[in-house]
Amino acid sequence: MEEHEDRGTTMTGVQPDQLDDQQLMKELESIHRTRHDTLLHGSSEALRTHNERMAQLEGEYLRRHPRRPVVSGRTRDGARERGSA
């Protein structure tokens, strides 16, 4: 059985720093895939929990990959260049 952290009755999942790289990516893909439905149809508590978990997972990814490649089109300068073209 997977380890889970209890916060009251909310299950927050395995701590991100305990996931290997493949598990972390799988969790990130899953949470991003469910984001839109949670925003549109989830309760306030579900959205709050989703936000917390997404922040934990994304924070762990950024901690592990501080020098990840950044595509110039995904920066403010890149967006400005697209807008003036």
C-alpha atoms as a PDB file:
ATOM      1  CA  MET A   1       0.000   0.000   0.000  1.00  0.00           C
ATOM      2  CA  GLU A   2       1.299   3.474  -0.884  1.00  0.00           C
ATOM      3  CA  GLU A   3       2.127   5.896   1.904  1.00  0.00           C
ATOM      4  CA  HIS A   4      -0.231   8.835   2.240  1.00  0.00           C
ATOM      5  CA  GLU A   5      -0.205  11.850   4.492  1.00  0.00           C
ATOM      6  CA  ASP A   6      -3.411  12.548   6.381  1.00  0.00           C
ATOM      7  CA  ARG A   7      -4.491  16.141   6.898  1.00  0.00           C
ATOM      8  CA  GLY A   8      -7.826  15.784   8.584  1.00  0.00           C
ATOM      9  CA  THR A   9      -9.799  13.760   6.079  1.00  0.00           C
ATOM     10  CA  THR A  10      -7.872  14.961   3.016  1.00  0.00           C
ATOM     11  CA  MET A  11      -5.490  12.506   1.382  1.00  0.00           C
ATOM     12  CA  THR A  12      -2.611  14.448  -0.122  1.00  0.00           C
ATOM     13  CA  GLY A  13      -0.682  11.539  -1.624  1.00  0.00           C
ATOM     14  CA  VAL A  14       2.933  10.510  -1.452  1.00  0.00           C
ATOM     15  CA  GLN A  15       5.270  13.370  -0.652  1.00  0.00           C
ATOM     16  CA  PRO A  16       6.795  14.572  -3.936  1.00  0.00           C
ATOM     17  CA  ASP A  17      10.366  14.212  -2.667  1.00  0.00           C
ATOM     18  CA  GLN A  18       9.691  10.499  -2.153  1.00  0.00           C
ATOM     19  CA  LEU A  19       8.712   9.950  -5.807  1.00  0.00           C
ATOM     20  CA  ASP A  20      11.281   8.862  -8.356  1.00  0.00           C
ATOM     21  CA  ASP A  21      11.554  10.924 -11.554  1.00  0.00           C
ATOM     22  CA  GLN A  22       9.166   8.711 -13.524  1.00  0.00           C
ATOM     23  CA  GLN A  23       6.545   8.750 -10.765  1.00  0.00           C
ATOM     24  CA  LEU A  24       6.854  12.516 -10.410  1.00  0.00           C
ATOM     25  CA  MET A  25       6.266  13.029 -14.140  1.00  0.00           C
ATOM     26  CA  LYS A  26       3.270  10.690 -14.048  1.00  0.00           C
ATOM     27  CA  GLU A  27       1.784  12.627 -11.116  1.00  0.00           C
ATOM     28  CA  LEU A  28       2.390  15.947 -12.880  1.00  0.00           C
ATOM     29  CA  GLU A  29       0.774  14.717 -16.088  1.00  0.00           C
ATOM     30  CA  SER A  30      -2.229  13.461 -14.146  1.00  0.00           C
ATOM     31  CA  ILE A  31      -2.757  16.635 -12.129  1.00  0.00           C
ATOM     32  CA  HIS A  32      -2.448  18.850 -15.194  1.00  0.00           C
ATOM     33  CA  ARG A  33      -4.908  16.629 -17.087  1.00  0.00           C
ATOM     34  CA  THR A  34      -7.517  16.976 -14.310  1.00  0.00           C
ATOM     35  CA  ARG A  35      -6.966  20.683 -13.674  1.00  0.00           C
ATOM     36  CA  HIS A  36      -9.656  22.069 -15.980  1.00  0.00           C
ATOM     37  CA  ASP A  37     -12.428  19.805 -14.662  1.00  0.00           C
ATOM     38  CA  THR A  38     -11.466  20.559 -11.073  1.00  0.00           C
ATOM     39  CA  LEU A  39     -11.553  24.294 -11.744  1.00  0.00           C
ATOM     40  CA  LEU A  40     -14.917  24.153 -13.498  1.00  0.00           C
ATOM     41  CA  HIS A  41     -16.719  21.510 -11.472  1.00  0.00           C
ATOM     42  CA  GLY A  42     -14.880  20.814  -8.223  1.00  0.00           C
ATOM     43  CA  SER A  43     -15.883  22.041  -4.812  1.00  0.00           C
ATOM     44  CA  SER A  44     -13.892  24.813  -3.155  1.00  0.00           C
ATOM     45  CA  GLU A  45     -12.153  22.179  -1.019  1.00  0.00           C
ATOM     46  CA  ALA A  46     -11.331  20.049  -4.081  1.00  0.00           C
ATOM     47  CA  LEU A  47      -9.853  23.071  -5.851  1.00  0.00           C
ATOM     48  CA  ARG A  48      -7.850  24.053  -2.764  1.00  0.00           C
ATOM     49  CA  THR A  49      -6.495  20.504  -2.429  1.00  0.00           C
ATOM     50  CA  HIS A  50      -5.708  20.396  -6.158  1.00  0.00           C
ATOM     51  CA  ASN A  51      -3.855  23.721  -5.923  1.00  0.00           C
ATOM     52  CA  GLU A  52      -1.786  22.518  -2.963  1.00  0.00           C
ATOM     53  CA  ARG A  53      -0.866  19.227  -4.571  1.00  0.00           C
ATOM     54  CA  MET A  54      -0.022  20.838  -7.902  1.00  0.00           C
ATOM     55  CA  ALA A  55       2.215  23.378  -6.150  1.00  0.00           C
ATOM     56  CA  GLN A  56       3.983  20.565  -4.255  1.00  0.00           C
ATOM     57  CA  LEU A  57       4.595  18.524  -7.408  1.00  0.00           C
ATOM     58  CA  GLU A  58       5.672  21.480  -9.529  1.00  0.00           C
ATOM     59  CA  GLY A  59       7.934  22.733  -6.746  1.00  0.00           C
ATOM     60  CA  GLU A  60       9.632  19.353  -6.552  1.00  0.00           C
ATOM     61  CA  TYR A  61      10.091  19.256 -10.320  1.00  0.00           C
ATOM     62  CA  LEU A  62      11.678  22.716 -10.279  1.00  0.00           C
ATOM     63  CA  ARG A  63      13.894  21.744  -7.336  1.00  0.00           C
ATOM     64  CA  ARG A  64      15.191  18.743  -9.295  1.00  0.00           C
ATOM     65  CA  HIS A  65      15.543  20.641 -12.580  1.00  0.00           C
ATOM     66  CA  PRO A  66      16.674  24.190 -11.762  1.00  0.00           C
ATOM     67  CA  ARG A  67      18.372  24.539 -15.158  1.00  0.00           C
ATOM     68  CA  ARG A  68      15.547  23.127 -17.263  1.00  0.00           C
ATOM     69  CA  PRO A  69      15.538  24.403 -20.843  1.00  0.00           C
ATOM     70  CA  VAL A  70      13.343  27.446 -21.337  1.00  0.00           C
ATOM     71  CA  VAL A  71      11.868  28.070 -24.790  1.00  0.00           C
ATOM     72  CA  SER A  72      12.277  31.732 -25.718  1.00  0.00           C
ATOM     73  CA  GLY A  73       8.670  31.930 -26.933  1.00  0.00           C
ATOM     74  CA  ARG A  74       7.509  31.124 -23.383  1.00  0.00           C
ATOM     75  CA  THR A  75       9.104  34.252 -21.898  1.00  0.00           C
ATOM     76  CA  ARG A  76       7.765  37.824 -21.761  1.00  0.00           C
ATOM     77  CA  ASP A  77      10.289  38.966 -24.342  1.00  0.00           C
ATOM     78  CA  GLY A  78       9.335  36.085 -26.621  1.00  0.00           C
ATOM     79  CA  ALA A  79       5.637  36.881 -26.249  1.00  0.00           C
ATOM     80  CA  ARG A  80       6.307  40.529 -27.073  1.00  0.00           C
ATOM     81  CA  GLU A  81       8.192  39.498 -30.207  1.00  0.00           C
ATOM     82  CA  ARG A  82       5.253  37.350 -31.307  1.00  0.00           C
ATOM     83  CA  GLY A  83       2.871  40.254 -30.685  1.00  0.00           C
ATOM     84  CA  SER A  84       4.831  42.652 -32.851  1.00  0.00           C
ATOM     85  CA  ALA A  85       5.239  40.229 -35.746  1.00  0.00           C
END
